[in-house]
Amino acid sequence: MPTPLTQLLLDLQPAQAPSLDNFIAGDNQELLVRLRALAEPGCFDMIYLWGPDGNGKSHLLTATANLVLRRRPALLLTNPSATDLSAPPGGLLIVDEVDTLDDAAQIALFRIFNTARLLGLGLLLAGRKPPLKLKLREDLRTRIGQALIYEVKTLNDEQKATALRRHALERGFRVDDGLVRYLLSHGRRDLPSLMAVLDHLDRATLERQRPATLPLLKEALQLQLVPTENEPGPI
């Protein structure tokens, strides 16, 4: 059990809220420009993001919602039911996991598409597949296909290393390049899992009052149930 002092130190390391500024853009620079534009009251674009789990889609949706709310209404929903779906006039409706919507929710979202221009509503949607491969009603799939389509590009290892070092600094501790390389070589490929290992490593250094070392990193990998061999997969 952590001591009261250790718990206080842990409490002083809050997770940073997702923003477009703390997203490692990589090859997604054009997409970030489009998302920033959604905060403008006169922008009513319809945008669809796609890519595998763990590639940053949810971060981008939350970050965009946080930004837009400073200027106009925004509603962020994940796999909503039909009754959850609503259209804030003059605002932005953000829907994650559109590929998991049930029949009633698909009908509700299709109706929102049809009235969006009249309401002055922008739409930002995300799913795992490109529009042509979405298993949705044909009319809704067609509407999504008419939006601005962006595949969220995955990061290469150098960009992941940059993201991991930044994440460590935001938590208030340093991790040397050798540990970052080891984590990239032996951890899962998706960035959220890699960052979760760093979170465990940070807690271990605070609890034991020791610097980040390879043995502590190996323990953090085990605690996260991350295999110690390269495991291919999406970021």
Protein backbone atom coordinates (compact mmCIF):
# COMPACT_ATOMS: atom_id res chain seq x y z
CA MET A 1 0.00 0.00 0.00
CA PRO A 2 1.36 3.47 -0.85
CA THR A 3 2.14 5.78 2.03
CA PRO A 4 0.10 9.01 2.45
CA LEU A 5 3.05 10.97 1.06
CA THR A 6 3.28 8.71 -1.96
CA GLN A 7 -0.47 8.96 -2.54
CA LEU A 8 -0.16 12.75 -2.42
CA LEU A 9 2.59 12.61 -5.04
CA LEU A 10 0.43 10.39 -7.22
CA ASP A 11 -2.47 12.79 -6.86
CA LEU A 12 -0.24 15.59 -8.08
CA GLN A 13 0.24 13.83 -11.42
CA PRO A 14 -3.13 14.39 -13.14
CA ALA A 15 -3.65 13.13 -16.66
CA GLN A 16 -3.47 15.96 -19.16
CA ALA A 17 -6.75 16.62 -20.94
CA PRO A 18 -6.70 15.63 -24.63
CA SER A 19 -6.05 18.62 -26.89
CA LEU A 20 -5.01 19.14 -30.49
CA ASP A 21 -1.81 20.69 -29.16
CA ASN A 22 -0.71 17.57 -27.25
CA PHE A 23 -1.57 15.18 -30.09
CA ILE A 24 1.55 13.95 -31.91
CA ALA A 25 0.46 14.84 -35.44
CA GLY A 26 2.86 12.76 -37.51
CA ASP A 27 1.33 12.65 -40.99
CA ASN A 28 -2.01 14.06 -39.77
CA GLN A 29 -1.20 17.76 -40.11
CA GLU A 30 -3.95 18.49 -42.65
CA LEU A 31 -6.50 16.72 -40.47
CA LEU A 32 -5.57 18.86 -37.45
CA VAL A 33 -6.11 22.02 -39.52
CA ARG A 34 -9.59 20.78 -40.46
CA LEU A 35 -10.44 19.92 -36.86
CA ARG A 36 -9.30 23.33 -35.60
CA ALA A 37 -11.54 24.96 -38.18
CA LEU A 38 -14.58 23.24 -36.66
CA ALA A 39 -14.32 25.61 -33.69
CA GLU A 40 -15.24 28.54 -35.93
CA PRO A 41 -18.95 29.43 -35.54
CA GLY A 42 -19.43 29.61 -39.31
CA CYS A 43 -17.85 26.21 -40.05
CA PHE A 44 -20.35 23.40 -40.62
CA ASP A 45 -18.12 20.80 -42.25
CA MET A 46 -18.97 17.11 -42.16
CA ILE A 47 -15.88 15.02 -41.41
CA TYR A 48 -15.38 11.28 -41.00
CA LEU A 49 -12.24 9.81 -39.38
CA TRP A 50 -11.34 6.15 -39.63
CA GLY A 51 -8.65 3.79 -38.46
CA PRO A 52 -8.03 0.90 -36.03
CA ASP A 53 -8.48 1.12 -32.29
CA GLY A 54 -5.59 2.79 -30.48
CA ASN A 55 -4.56 5.13 -33.31
CA GLY A 56 -5.74 8.34 -31.63
CA LYS A 57 -9.27 8.80 -32.97
CA SER A 58 -10.87 9.15 -29.54
CA HIS A 59 -8.17 11.63 -28.47
CA LEU A 60 -8.90 13.74 -31.54
CA LEU A 61 -12.66 13.68 -30.98
CA THR A 62 -12.36 14.68 -27.32
CA ALA A 63 -9.77 17.33 -28.13
CA THR A 64 -11.99 18.81 -30.83
CA ALA A 65 -14.98 18.85 -28.48
CA ASN A 66 -12.91 20.68 -25.83
CA LEU A 67 -11.82 23.24 -28.41
CA VAL A 68 -15.24 23.79 -29.99
CA LEU A 69 -16.98 24.24 -26.64
CA ARG A 70 -15.04 27.48 -26.14
CA ARG A 71 -16.83 28.99 -29.14
CA ARG A 72 -20.13 27.16 -29.70
CA PRO A 73 -22.19 24.15 -28.59
CA ALA A 74 -20.74 20.66 -29.04
CA LEU A 75 -22.02 17.20 -28.14
CA LEU A 76 -19.69 14.17 -27.99
CA LEU A 77 -21.27 10.70 -28.01
CA THR A 78 -19.77 7.21 -28.20
CA ASN A 79 -21.94 4.46 -29.71
CA PRO A 80 -25.12 6.34 -28.76
CA SER A 81 -28.68 5.07 -28.80
CA ALA A 82 -31.29 6.77 -30.97
CA THR A 83 -32.59 8.72 -27.98
CA ASP A 84 -29.10 10.02 -27.17
CA LEU A 85 -28.60 11.54 -30.61
CA SER A 86 -29.52 15.20 -30.83
CA ALA A 87 -28.45 18.12 -32.97
CA PRO A 88 -27.25 21.24 -31.12
CA PRO A 89 -28.30 24.04 -33.55
CA GLY A 90 -25.34 26.03 -34.77
CA GLY A 91 -23.01 23.60 -33.02
CA LEU A 92 -21.11 20.38 -33.63
CA LEU A 93 -22.29 16.79 -33.16
CA ILE A 94 -19.43 14.32 -32.61
CA VAL A 95 -20.13 10.59 -32.78
CA ASP A 96 -17.50 7.91 -32.11
CA GLU A 97 -17.84 4.24 -33.08
CA VAL A 98 -20.48 4.86 -35.76
CA ASP A 99 -19.81 1.34 -37.04
CA THR A 100 -21.45 -0.05 -33.86
CA LEU A 101 -24.72 1.91 -34.06
CA ASP A 102 -27.90 -0.15 -33.86
CA ASP A 103 -30.66 0.17 -36.46
CA ALA A 104 -32.61 2.85 -34.60
CA ALA A 105 -29.50 4.97 -34.00
CA GLN A 106 -28.56 4.66 -37.68
CA ILE A 107 -31.96 6.01 -38.70
CA ALA A 108 -31.65 8.87 -36.21
CA LEU A 109 -28.17 9.80 -37.47
CA PHE A 110 -29.37 9.68 -41.10
CA ARG A 111 -32.16 12.13 -40.25
CA ILE A 112 -29.64 14.45 -38.59
CA PHE A 113 -27.53 14.35 -41.76
CA ASN A 114 -30.57 15.43 -43.75
CA THR A 115 -31.32 18.41 -41.48
CA ALA A 116 -27.75 19.45 -40.62
CA ARG A 117 -27.50 22.29 -43.14
CA LEU A 118 -30.86 23.68 -42.10
CA LEU A 119 -29.77 23.65 -38.45
CA GLY A 120 -26.31 25.04 -39.15
CA LEU A 121 -24.86 21.85 -37.68
CA GLY A 122 -21.38 20.45 -38.17
CA LEU A 123 -20.73 16.71 -37.94
CA LEU A 124 -17.58 14.86 -36.86
CA LEU A 125 -17.83 11.06 -36.98
CA ALA A 126 -15.36 8.23 -36.44
CA GLY A 127 -15.24 4.51 -37.07
CA ARG A 128 -12.83 1.65 -37.65
CA LYS A 129 -13.39 1.23 -41.40
CA PRO A 130 -13.52 3.47 -44.48
CA PRO A 131 -17.08 4.35 -45.57
CA LEU A 132 -17.29 1.68 -48.28
CA LYS A 133 -16.63 -1.05 -45.70
CA LEU A 134 -18.98 0.18 -42.97
CA LYS A 135 -21.74 -2.33 -42.19
CA LEU A 136 -24.45 0.31 -41.93
CA ARG A 137 -27.69 1.16 -43.73
CA GLU A 138 -26.88 2.02 -47.32
CA ASP A 139 -28.44 5.50 -47.07
CA LEU A 140 -26.38 6.38 -43.98
CA ARG A 141 -23.22 4.85 -45.42
CA THR A 142 -23.71 6.96 -48.55
CA ARG A 143 -24.12 10.13 -46.47
CA ILE A 144 -20.94 9.38 -44.55
CA GLY A 145 -19.14 8.76 -47.84
CA GLN A 146 -20.05 12.31 -48.92
CA ALA A 147 -18.26 13.82 -45.93
CA LEU A 148 -14.60 14.82 -45.82
CA ILE A 149 -12.82 11.49 -45.25
CA TYR A 150 -9.57 11.21 -43.30
CA GLU A 151 -7.68 8.08 -42.36
CA VAL A 152 -5.88 8.78 -39.09
CA LYS A 153 -2.31 7.90 -39.97
CA THR A 154 -0.34 5.74 -37.57
CA LEU A 155 2.91 6.95 -36.02
CA ASN A 156 6.29 5.49 -36.84
CA ASP A 157 8.62 4.44 -34.02
CA GLU A 158 10.44 7.77 -33.93
CA GLN A 159 7.14 9.61 -33.56
CA LYS A 160 6.01 7.16 -30.88
CA ALA A 161 9.25 7.78 -28.99
CA THR A 162 8.58 11.52 -29.10
CA ALA A 163 5.07 10.94 -27.78
CA LEU A 164 6.33 8.71 -24.95
CA ARG A 165 9.01 11.18 -23.85
CA ARG A 166 6.44 13.99 -23.85
CA HIS A 167 4.00 11.86 -21.85
CA ALA A 168 6.69 11.15 -19.24
CA LEU A 169 7.61 14.84 -18.94
CA GLU A 170 3.94 15.78 -18.54
CA ARG A 171 3.81 13.38 -15.58
CA GLY A 172 6.91 15.01 -14.12
CA PHE A 173 9.57 12.34 -14.63
CA ARG A 174 12.32 11.66 -17.13
CA VAL A 175 12.79 8.44 -19.04
CA ASP A 176 16.03 7.93 -20.94
CA ASP A 177 16.21 6.97 -24.60
CA GLY A 178 17.36 3.44 -23.82
CA LEU A 179 14.21 2.72 -21.83
CA VAL A 180 12.05 4.20 -24.57
CA ARG A 181 13.75 1.97 -27.16
CA TYR A 182 13.26 -1.08 -24.94
CA LEU A 183 9.58 -0.28 -24.48
CA LEU A 184 9.07 0.14 -28.23
CA SER A 185 10.84 -3.16 -28.87
CA HIS A 186 9.08 -5.22 -26.20
CA GLY A 187 5.71 -3.54 -25.64
CA ARG A 188 2.52 -3.55 -27.63
CA ARG A 189 2.41 -1.45 -30.75
CA ASP A 190 -0.50 0.84 -29.86
CA LEU A 191 0.35 4.14 -28.16
CA PRO A 192 -2.28 3.98 -25.36
CA SER A 193 -0.83 0.66 -24.12
CA LEU A 194 2.72 2.04 -24.25
CA MET A 195 1.70 5.14 -22.31
CA ALA A 196 -0.07 2.98 -19.72
CA VAL A 197 3.22 1.16 -19.11
CA LEU A 198 4.92 4.51 -18.52
CA ASP A 199 2.19 5.39 -16.01
CA HIS A 200 2.97 2.19 -14.09
CA LEU A 201 6.68 2.97 -14.28
CA ASP A 202 6.06 6.47 -12.91
CA ARG A 203 4.11 5.07 -9.96
CA ALA A 204 6.86 2.53 -9.25
CA THR A 205 9.55 5.25 -9.16
CA LEU A 206 7.48 7.30 -6.71
CA GLU A 207 6.58 4.40 -4.43
CA ARG A 208 10.15 3.10 -4.25
CA GLN A 209 11.84 6.51 -4.50
CA ARG A 210 14.09 5.21 -7.25
CA PRO A 211 14.86 6.52 -10.75
CA ALA A 212 13.35 4.82 -13.77
CA THR A 213 15.45 1.73 -14.52
CA LEU A 214 15.20 -1.25 -16.85
CA PRO A 215 14.18 -3.69 -14.05
CA LEU A 216 11.36 -1.32 -13.03
CA LEU A 217 10.27 -1.02 -16.66
CA LYS A 218 10.18 -4.81 -17.00
CA GLU A 219 7.99 -4.97 -13.89
CA ALA A 220 5.68 -2.35 -15.39
CA LEU A 221 5.42 -4.41 -18.56
CA GLN A 222 4.43 -7.46 -16.54
CA LEU A 223 1.87 -5.49 -14.52
CA GLN A 224 0.24 -4.34 -17.75
CA LEU A 225 0.27 -7.94 -19.01
CA VAL A 226 2.22 -6.74 -22.02
CA PRO A 227 4.19 -9.49 -23.79
CA THR A 228 7.94 -9.11 -23.70
CA GLU A 229 8.32 -9.76 -27.42
CA ASN A 230 7.33 -7.53 -30.30
CA GLU A 231 3.66 -7.97 -31.00
CA PRO A 232 2.43 -6.62 -34.34
CA GLY A 233 -0.76 -4.64 -34.25
CA PRO A 234 -2.36 -1.25 -34.86
CA ILE A 235 -1.41 1.95 -33.17
